[in-house]
Each structure stands twice: as C-alpha cells, then as structure tokens.
Amino acid sequence: MTISTRNAATIVRTGTAVMASEAKQQFIRDNPDLVTDIRIIATLDLHISPICRHLDHEIMPIDKAQYPPYHYNCRSNFQLVFKGEKQSNKRASMNGETDNVSYYDWLKSQSKDVQVLALGKERAKLFDKMSAERFKSYLLSKIQ
C-alpha cells in the first residue's frame, strides 16, 4: 500500500510539473516578441538531483531550451527572461531567502556538514578545493 501511495504521488507531482512547464511554453509561443530566454531554477536543498544541480541558474535561448521536468519527481522550474528584464537579487533556499546564485555557489556558503550531505565525503573534499564553477565543469567532464 505504501509503494502504491508513493507511486501515485510521483505521478501527480511529475504530471503537475509537466502541465506547468507546458503552460509556460505556450505563453512563450504566444509571445515570441516578449521572451528571449529561460533561466533554470532548481530547489536549493539537499534533495536535488545531479542533473538539476548542474542546470540550476543556466540561461537557455528559447530556440535551444530544454524544459523541466528532467526526471520523475523533478522540482526544478524555469523563469521566463523578458527583453530588458533585470534579474532578481534574491531567491528561495532550504534556509529561507538567499542571494540569487547557482546551486554550487549557494552550496559554497553552507557548512562542511551540509556539503558532505549534499555531495558525499569524497566529492565534498574536491568541492572544498575548487571554485564552484570549476567543480561544476569537473563533474560535467566526468559525465561526458
């Protein structure tokens, strides 16, 4: 019974994310003169998937955009970037409001214990020795 409930919750959560994404994409199609890009927004917490960590804060042109959800139970979203728009200075995180930075920049500002919980011991050691951007590039090179 627990598995069925969990599976149903996954279907509902993912389906809701698909519908929200499709609605925004329709707005983009209806207003091509207003929207230039999308900005991926992942949830800043310890439950984020590797793909969402990597894509967080990325700006994608409309014609090349890959829209979330990226996997089952995906909590990533995207913001529409309008012509002439100025980016917000703040965003939400598991600790409340924080500066509008990428996942790895946010993680750099967290305690070593949080970094270990998010990345594991070995990756957290590497993370400590690299800039957030270099660490992200390093992980991407391991995937390809």
N, C-alpha and C. Protein backbone atom coordinates (compact mmCIF):
# COMPACT_ATOMS: atom_id res chain seq x y z
N MET A 1 0.81 -1.19 0.00
CA MET A 1 0.00 0.00 0.00
C MET A 1 0.86 1.26 0.00
N THR A 2 1.97 1.24 0.77
CA THR A 2 2.86 2.40 0.85
C THR A 2 3.49 2.68 -0.51
N ILE A 3 3.89 1.62 -1.22
CA ILE A 3 4.50 1.79 -2.54
C ILE A 3 3.50 2.39 -3.51
N SER A 4 2.27 1.92 -3.48
CA SER A 4 1.24 2.46 -4.38
C SER A 4 0.99 3.95 -4.11
N THR A 5 0.96 4.32 -2.86
CA THR A 5 0.76 5.73 -2.49
C THR A 5 1.93 6.57 -2.98
N ARG A 6 3.14 6.06 -2.78
CA ARG A 6 4.34 6.78 -3.22
C ARG A 6 4.36 6.90 -4.74
N ASN A 7 4.01 5.83 -5.45
CA ASN A 7 3.96 5.87 -6.91
C ASN A 7 2.91 6.86 -7.40
N ALA A 8 1.76 6.88 -6.75
CA ALA A 8 0.70 7.82 -7.14
C ALA A 8 1.17 9.26 -6.91
N ALA A 9 1.86 9.51 -5.80
CA ALA A 9 2.37 10.85 -5.51
C ALA A 9 3.40 11.27 -6.57
N THR A 10 4.23 10.34 -6.99
CA THR A 10 5.22 10.63 -8.04
C THR A 10 4.53 11.00 -9.34
N ILE A 11 3.51 10.26 -9.71
CA ILE A 11 2.77 10.53 -10.94
C ILE A 11 2.11 11.91 -10.88
N VAL A 12 1.49 12.22 -9.76
CA VAL A 12 0.82 13.51 -9.60
C VAL A 12 1.83 14.66 -9.63
N ARG A 13 2.92 14.53 -8.87
CA ARG A 13 3.92 15.59 -8.80
C ARG A 13 4.55 15.83 -10.17
N THR A 14 4.92 14.75 -10.86
CA THR A 14 5.55 14.88 -12.17
C THR A 14 4.56 15.42 -13.20
N GLY A 15 3.33 14.93 -13.15
CA GLY A 15 2.30 15.41 -14.07
C GLY A 15 2.01 16.88 -13.89
N THR A 16 1.98 17.32 -12.66
CA THR A 16 1.77 18.74 -12.37
C THR A 16 2.92 19.59 -12.92
N ALA A 17 4.15 19.09 -12.75
CA ALA A 17 5.31 19.81 -13.27
C ALA A 17 5.27 19.90 -14.79
N VAL A 18 4.85 18.82 -15.45
CA VAL A 18 4.73 18.82 -16.92
C VAL A 18 3.70 19.84 -17.36
N MET A 19 2.56 19.87 -16.70
CA MET A 19 1.50 20.81 -17.08
C MET A 19 1.93 22.26 -16.87
N ALA A 20 2.62 22.54 -15.76
CA ALA A 20 3.10 23.90 -15.51
C ALA A 20 4.12 24.31 -16.57
N SER A 21 5.00 23.39 -16.92
CA SER A 21 6.01 23.67 -17.96
C SER A 21 5.34 23.92 -19.30
N GLU A 22 4.37 23.10 -19.65
CA GLU A 22 3.66 23.26 -20.92
C GLU A 22 2.92 24.60 -20.99
N ALA A 23 2.34 25.03 -19.88
CA ALA A 23 1.62 26.30 -19.85
C ALA A 23 2.58 27.46 -20.11
N LYS A 24 3.75 27.43 -19.49
CA LYS A 24 4.75 28.48 -19.73
C LYS A 24 5.26 28.44 -21.17
N GLN A 25 5.44 27.24 -21.70
CA GLN A 25 5.91 27.11 -23.08
C GLN A 25 4.86 27.67 -24.05
N GLN A 26 3.60 27.48 -23.74
CA GLN A 26 2.55 28.03 -24.59
C GLN A 26 2.59 29.56 -24.55
N PHE A 27 2.83 30.12 -23.39
CA PHE A 27 2.97 31.57 -23.27
C PHE A 27 4.12 32.06 -24.15
N ILE A 28 5.23 31.33 -24.15
CA ILE A 28 6.39 31.69 -24.97
C ILE A 28 6.00 31.66 -26.45
N ARG A 29 5.31 30.61 -26.87
CA ARG A 29 4.89 30.51 -28.27
C ARG A 29 3.93 31.63 -28.65
N ASP A 30 3.08 32.03 -27.73
CA ASP A 30 2.11 33.09 -27.99
C ASP A 30 2.72 34.49 -27.95
N ASN A 31 3.89 34.62 -27.33
CA ASN A 31 4.52 35.94 -27.14
C ASN A 31 6.01 35.92 -27.51
N PRO A 32 6.34 35.54 -28.73
CA PRO A 32 7.75 35.42 -29.10
C PRO A 32 8.50 36.75 -29.06
N ASP A 33 7.79 37.85 -29.10
CA ASP A 33 8.44 39.16 -29.07
C ASP A 33 8.77 39.63 -27.65
N LEU A 34 8.26 38.92 -26.63
CA LEU A 34 8.49 39.33 -25.24
C LEU A 34 9.58 38.53 -24.54
N VAL A 35 9.65 37.23 -24.81
CA VAL A 35 10.53 36.33 -24.07
C VAL A 35 11.76 36.00 -24.91
N THR A 36 12.95 36.18 -24.32
CA THR A 36 14.19 35.90 -25.05
C THR A 36 14.82 34.58 -24.64
N ASP A 37 14.76 34.25 -23.35
CA ASP A 37 15.44 33.08 -22.81
C ASP A 37 14.63 32.50 -21.67
N ILE A 38 15.13 31.35 -21.16
CA ILE A 38 14.61 30.82 -19.89
C ILE A 38 15.79 30.65 -18.94
N ARG A 39 15.52 30.75 -17.65
CA ARG A 39 16.52 30.53 -16.62
C ARG A 39 16.05 29.36 -15.77
N ILE A 40 16.86 28.33 -15.67
CA ILE A 40 16.51 27.14 -14.88
C ILE A 40 16.67 27.46 -13.40
N ILE A 41 15.65 27.10 -12.65
CA ILE A 41 15.65 27.33 -11.20
C ILE A 41 15.43 25.99 -10.50
N ALA A 42 16.47 25.50 -9.85
CA ALA A 42 16.36 24.26 -9.09
C ALA A 42 16.12 24.61 -7.62
N THR A 43 15.65 23.65 -6.87
CA THR A 43 15.41 23.85 -5.45
C THR A 43 16.73 23.78 -4.71
N LEU A 44 17.05 24.79 -3.93
CA LEU A 44 18.30 24.83 -3.18
C LEU A 44 18.13 24.10 -1.85
N ASP A 45 18.35 22.79 -1.90
CA ASP A 45 18.29 21.97 -0.70
C ASP A 45 19.16 20.73 -0.90
N LEU A 46 19.04 19.76 -0.03
CA LEU A 46 19.89 18.57 -0.08
C LEU A 46 19.31 17.44 -0.93
N HIS A 47 18.12 17.61 -1.46
CA HIS A 47 17.46 16.54 -2.20
C HIS A 47 17.52 16.74 -3.71
N ILE A 48 18.32 17.66 -4.16
CA ILE A 48 18.41 18.00 -5.57
C ILE A 48 19.17 16.92 -6.34
N SER A 49 18.71 16.61 -7.53
CA SER A 49 19.36 15.59 -8.35
C SER A 49 20.61 16.16 -9.02
N PRO A 50 21.54 15.31 -9.43
CA PRO A 50 22.75 15.81 -10.11
C PRO A 50 22.44 16.63 -11.37
N ILE A 51 21.48 16.21 -12.16
CA ILE A 51 21.16 16.96 -13.38
C ILE A 51 20.63 18.34 -13.04
N CYS A 52 19.79 18.43 -12.02
CA CYS A 52 19.22 19.73 -11.64
C CYS A 52 20.28 20.62 -10.99
N ARG A 53 21.21 20.04 -10.24
CA ARG A 53 22.33 20.81 -9.70
C ARG A 53 23.09 21.49 -10.84
N HIS A 54 23.37 20.69 -11.85
CA HIS A 54 24.17 21.18 -12.97
C HIS A 54 23.44 22.27 -13.76
N LEU A 55 22.16 22.09 -13.98
CA LEU A 55 21.41 23.04 -14.81
C LEU A 55 20.95 24.29 -14.06
N ASP A 56 20.97 24.25 -12.74
CA ASP A 56 20.49 25.40 -11.97
C ASP A 56 21.19 26.68 -12.41
N HIS A 57 20.38 27.71 -12.62
CA HIS A 57 20.85 29.05 -12.94
C HIS A 57 21.31 29.20 -14.39
N GLU A 58 21.24 28.13 -15.17
CA GLU A 58 21.61 28.21 -16.58
C GLU A 58 20.57 29.04 -17.33
N ILE A 59 21.03 29.83 -18.26
CA ILE A 59 20.14 30.58 -19.13
C ILE A 59 20.21 29.94 -20.51
N MET A 60 19.04 29.59 -21.03
CA MET A 60 18.95 28.93 -22.33
C MET A 60 18.13 29.78 -23.29
N PRO A 61 18.63 29.97 -24.50
CA PRO A 61 17.81 30.67 -25.50
C PRO A 61 16.57 29.84 -25.82
N ILE A 62 15.48 30.49 -26.13
CA ILE A 62 14.21 29.82 -26.37
C ILE A 62 14.34 28.72 -27.43
N ASP A 63 15.07 28.98 -28.49
CA ASP A 63 15.16 28.00 -29.58
C ASP A 63 16.01 26.78 -29.25
N LYS A 64 16.76 26.82 -28.13
CA LYS A 64 17.59 25.67 -27.73
C LYS A 64 17.26 25.17 -26.32
N ALA A 65 16.20 25.68 -25.76
CA ALA A 65 15.87 25.38 -24.36
C ALA A 65 15.46 23.92 -24.17
N GLN A 66 15.90 23.36 -23.05
CA GLN A 66 15.45 22.06 -22.58
C GLN A 66 14.66 22.33 -21.30
N TYR A 67 13.37 22.10 -21.39
CA TYR A 67 12.46 22.48 -20.31
C TYR A 67 12.31 21.38 -19.26
N PRO A 68 12.24 21.76 -17.97
CA PRO A 68 11.92 20.76 -16.95
C PRO A 68 10.47 20.32 -17.07
N PRO A 69 10.11 19.20 -16.49
CA PRO A 69 10.89 18.38 -15.57
C PRO A 69 11.91 17.50 -16.30
N TYR A 70 13.01 17.24 -15.60
CA TYR A 70 14.11 16.46 -16.17
C TYR A 70 14.09 15.00 -15.73
N HIS A 71 13.26 14.69 -14.74
CA HIS A 71 13.17 13.32 -14.23
C HIS A 71 11.90 13.23 -13.38
N TYR A 72 11.54 12.02 -12.97
CA TYR A 72 10.38 11.85 -12.08
C TYR A 72 10.63 12.61 -10.78
N ASN A 73 9.60 13.21 -10.26
CA ASN A 73 9.66 13.98 -9.01
C ASN A 73 10.52 15.23 -9.12
N CYS A 74 10.80 15.67 -10.31
CA CYS A 74 11.65 16.85 -10.53
C CYS A 74 10.96 18.09 -9.95
N ARG A 75 11.71 18.85 -9.17
CA ARG A 75 11.18 20.08 -8.57
C ARG A 75 11.76 21.32 -9.24
N SER A 76 12.57 21.12 -10.28
CA SER A 76 13.12 22.27 -11.00
C SER A 76 12.02 22.96 -11.78
N ASN A 77 12.24 24.22 -12.00
CA ASN A 77 11.29 25.05 -12.71
C ASN A 77 12.09 25.96 -13.63
N PHE A 78 11.42 26.84 -14.33
CA PHE A 78 12.16 27.82 -15.11
C PHE A 78 11.44 29.15 -15.07
N GLN A 79 12.25 30.19 -15.15
CA GLN A 79 11.72 31.55 -15.22
C GLN A 79 11.81 32.01 -16.66
N LEU A 80 10.87 32.80 -17.05
CA LEU A 80 10.92 33.43 -18.36
C LEU A 80 11.81 34.67 -18.24
N VAL A 81 12.70 34.83 -19.19
CA VAL A 81 13.55 36.02 -19.23
C VAL A 81 12.99 36.93 -20.31
N PHE A 82 12.48 38.07 -19.89
CA PHE A 82 11.86 39.01 -20.80
C PHE A 82 12.90 40.00 -21.33
N LYS A 83 12.65 40.51 -22.51
CA LYS A 83 13.54 41.52 -23.10
C LYS A 83 13.70 42.67 -22.13
N GLY A 84 14.95 43.04 -21.84
CA GLY A 84 15.23 44.17 -20.97
C GLY A 84 15.03 43.92 -19.49
N GLU A 85 14.76 42.69 -19.10
CA GLU A 85 14.50 42.38 -17.69
C GLU A 85 15.79 42.41 -16.88
N LYS A 86 15.67 42.91 -15.67
CA LYS A 86 16.78 42.88 -14.72
C LYS A 86 16.55 41.70 -13.77
N GLN A 87 17.60 40.92 -13.54
CA GLN A 87 17.49 39.73 -12.70
C GLN A 87 17.30 40.09 -11.23
N SER A 88 16.48 39.30 -10.54
CA SER A 88 16.23 39.49 -9.11
C SER A 88 17.52 39.26 -8.32
N ASN A 89 17.63 39.90 -7.16
CA ASN A 89 18.81 39.74 -6.31
C ASN A 89 18.69 38.59 -5.31
N LYS A 90 17.49 38.06 -5.15
CA LYS A 90 17.24 37.04 -4.12
C LYS A 90 16.50 35.85 -4.70
N ARG A 91 16.61 34.72 -4.01
CA ARG A 91 15.83 33.53 -4.34
C ARG A 91 15.65 32.69 -3.08
N ALA A 92 14.78 31.70 -3.17
CA ALA A 92 14.47 30.86 -2.01
C ALA A 92 15.48 29.72 -1.89
N SER A 93 15.70 29.27 -0.66
CA SER A 93 16.54 28.10 -0.39
C SER A 93 15.96 27.37 0.81
N MET A 94 16.56 26.25 1.16
CA MET A 94 16.07 25.49 2.32
C MET A 94 16.24 26.28 3.61
N ASN A 95 17.08 27.31 3.59
CA ASN A 95 17.32 28.14 4.77
C ASN A 95 16.57 29.47 4.70
N GLY A 96 15.67 29.61 3.75
CA GLY A 96 14.96 30.86 3.56
C GLY A 96 15.54 31.62 2.39
N GLU A 97 15.36 32.92 2.38
CA GLU A 97 15.82 33.74 1.27
C GLU A 97 17.35 33.82 1.24
N THR A 98 17.91 33.76 0.04
CA THR A 98 19.36 33.83 -0.14
C THR A 98 19.66 34.65 -1.38
N ASP A 99 20.93 34.93 -1.60
CA ASP A 99 21.32 35.64 -2.82
C ASP A 99 20.96 34.81 -4.04
N ASN A 100 20.74 35.46 -5.15
CA ASN A 100 20.38 34.77 -6.40
C ASN A 100 21.65 34.23 -7.05
N VAL A 101 22.07 33.06 -6.60
CA VAL A 101 23.28 32.42 -7.08
C VAL A 101 22.95 31.00 -7.54
N SER A 102 23.90 30.37 -8.22
CA SER A 102 23.71 29.00 -8.67
C SER A 102 23.78 28.03 -7.48
N TYR A 103 23.38 26.78 -7.74
CA TYR A 103 23.37 25.77 -6.67
C TYR A 103 24.76 25.63 -6.04
N TYR A 104 25.79 25.49 -6.87
CA TYR A 104 27.13 25.27 -6.31
C TYR A 104 27.66 26.50 -5.58
N ASP A 105 27.34 27.70 -6.05
CA ASP A 105 27.71 28.91 -5.31
C ASP A 105 26.99 28.95 -3.97
N TRP A 106 25.71 28.57 -3.97
CA TRP A 106 24.95 28.51 -2.72
C TRP A 106 25.57 27.48 -1.78
N LEU A 107 25.92 26.31 -2.33
CA LEU A 107 26.49 25.24 -1.50
C LEU A 107 27.82 25.67 -0.89
N LYS A 108 28.59 26.48 -1.59
CA LYS A 108 29.86 27.00 -1.04
C LYS A 108 29.62 27.79 0.25
N SER A 109 28.47 28.42 0.37
CA SER A 109 28.16 29.23 1.56
C SER A 109 27.60 28.39 2.71
N GLN A 110 27.41 27.11 2.49
CA GLN A 110 26.87 26.22 3.52
C GLN A 110 27.99 25.60 4.34
N SER A 111 27.65 25.02 5.46
CA SER A 111 28.65 24.38 6.34
C SER A 111 29.23 23.14 5.66
N LYS A 112 30.38 22.71 6.14
CA LYS A 112 31.03 21.50 5.60
C LYS A 112 30.11 20.29 5.76
N ASP A 113 29.37 20.22 6.86
CA ASP A 113 28.46 19.10 7.07
C ASP A 113 27.36 19.06 6.00
N VAL A 114 26.82 20.20 5.66
CA VAL A 114 25.80 20.27 4.62
C VAL A 114 26.40 19.88 3.27
N GLN A 115 27.62 20.33 3.00
CA GLN A 115 28.29 19.97 1.74
C GLN A 115 28.50 18.46 1.64
N VAL A 116 28.87 17.83 2.74
CA VAL A 116 29.05 16.37 2.76
C VAL A 116 27.72 15.67 2.54
N LEU A 117 26.67 16.15 3.18
CA LEU A 117 25.34 15.55 2.98
C LEU A 117 24.89 15.68 1.52
N ALA A 118 25.19 16.80 0.90
CA ALA A 118 24.75 17.04 -0.47
C ALA A 118 25.58 16.27 -1.49
N LEU A 119 26.89 16.18 -1.27
CA LEU A 119 27.79 15.64 -2.29
C LEU A 119 28.42 14.30 -1.95
N GLY A 120 28.44 13.94 -0.68
CA GLY A 120 29.19 12.77 -0.24
C GLY A 120 30.59 13.22 0.19
N LYS A 121 31.28 12.38 0.95
CA LYS A 121 32.57 12.77 1.54
C LYS A 121 33.63 13.09 0.49
N GLU A 122 33.81 12.21 -0.48
CA GLU A 122 34.88 12.40 -1.46
C GLU A 122 34.65 13.63 -2.33
N ARG A 123 33.45 13.79 -2.85
CA ARG A 123 33.17 14.96 -3.68
C ARG A 123 33.23 16.24 -2.85
N ALA A 124 32.82 16.18 -1.60
CA ALA A 124 32.88 17.37 -0.74
C ALA A 124 34.33 17.81 -0.54
N LYS A 125 35.26 16.85 -0.45
CA LYS A 125 36.69 17.20 -0.34
C LYS A 125 37.16 17.93 -1.59
N LEU A 126 36.76 17.42 -2.75
CA LEU A 126 37.11 18.09 -4.00
C LEU A 126 36.48 19.47 -4.08
N PHE A 127 35.22 19.54 -3.70
CA PHE A 127 34.46 20.79 -3.74
C PHE A 127 35.15 21.86 -2.91
N ASP A 128 35.72 21.46 -1.78
CA ASP A 128 36.39 22.39 -0.88
C ASP A 128 37.63 23.00 -1.54
N LYS A 129 38.24 22.27 -2.47
CA LYS A 129 39.50 22.71 -3.10
C LYS A 129 39.30 23.47 -4.40
N MET A 130 38.06 23.54 -4.90
CA MET A 130 37.80 24.16 -6.20
C MET A 130 36.77 25.27 -6.08
N SER A 131 36.77 26.13 -7.08
CA SER A 131 35.69 27.12 -7.16
C SER A 131 34.41 26.38 -7.55
N ALA A 132 33.29 27.01 -7.32
CA ALA A 132 32.01 26.39 -7.67
C ALA A 132 31.94 26.10 -9.17
N GLU A 133 32.38 27.04 -9.99
CA GLU A 133 32.32 26.87 -11.45
C GLU A 133 33.27 25.77 -11.91
N ARG A 134 34.45 25.71 -11.34
CA ARG A 134 35.41 24.65 -11.72
C ARG A 134 34.88 23.27 -11.31
N PHE A 135 34.29 23.18 -10.14
CA PHE A 135 33.72 21.92 -9.69
C PHE A 135 32.60 21.46 -10.63
N LYS A 136 31.75 22.38 -11.03
CA LYS A 136 30.67 22.07 -11.96
C LYS A 136 31.24 21.56 -13.28
N SER A 137 32.27 22.22 -13.79
CA SER A 137 32.90 21.79 -15.05
C SER A 137 33.56 20.42 -14.88
N TYR A 138 34.18 20.20 -13.73
CA TYR A 138 34.81 18.91 -13.45
C TYR A 138 33.78 17.79 -13.48
N LEU A 139 32.65 17.99 -12.82
CA LEU A 139 31.61 16.96 -12.82
C LEU A 139 31.06 16.72 -14.21
N LEU A 140 30.90 17.78 -14.98
CA LEU A 140 30.39 17.65 -16.34
C LEU A 140 31.37 16.85 -17.19
N SER A 141 32.66 17.05 -17.00
CA SER A 141 33.66 16.29 -17.78
C SER A 141 33.61 14.80 -17.45
N LYS A 142 33.21 14.47 -16.23
CA LYS A 142 33.10 13.06 -15.81
C LYS A 142 31.89 12.38 -16.42
N ILE A 143 30.86 13.17 -16.75
CA ILE A 143 29.63 12.63 -17.33
C ILE A 143 29.82 12.33 -18.80
N GLN A 144 30.55 13.21 -19.49
CA GLN A 144 30.69 13.09 -20.94
C GLN A 144 31.69 12.05 -21.35
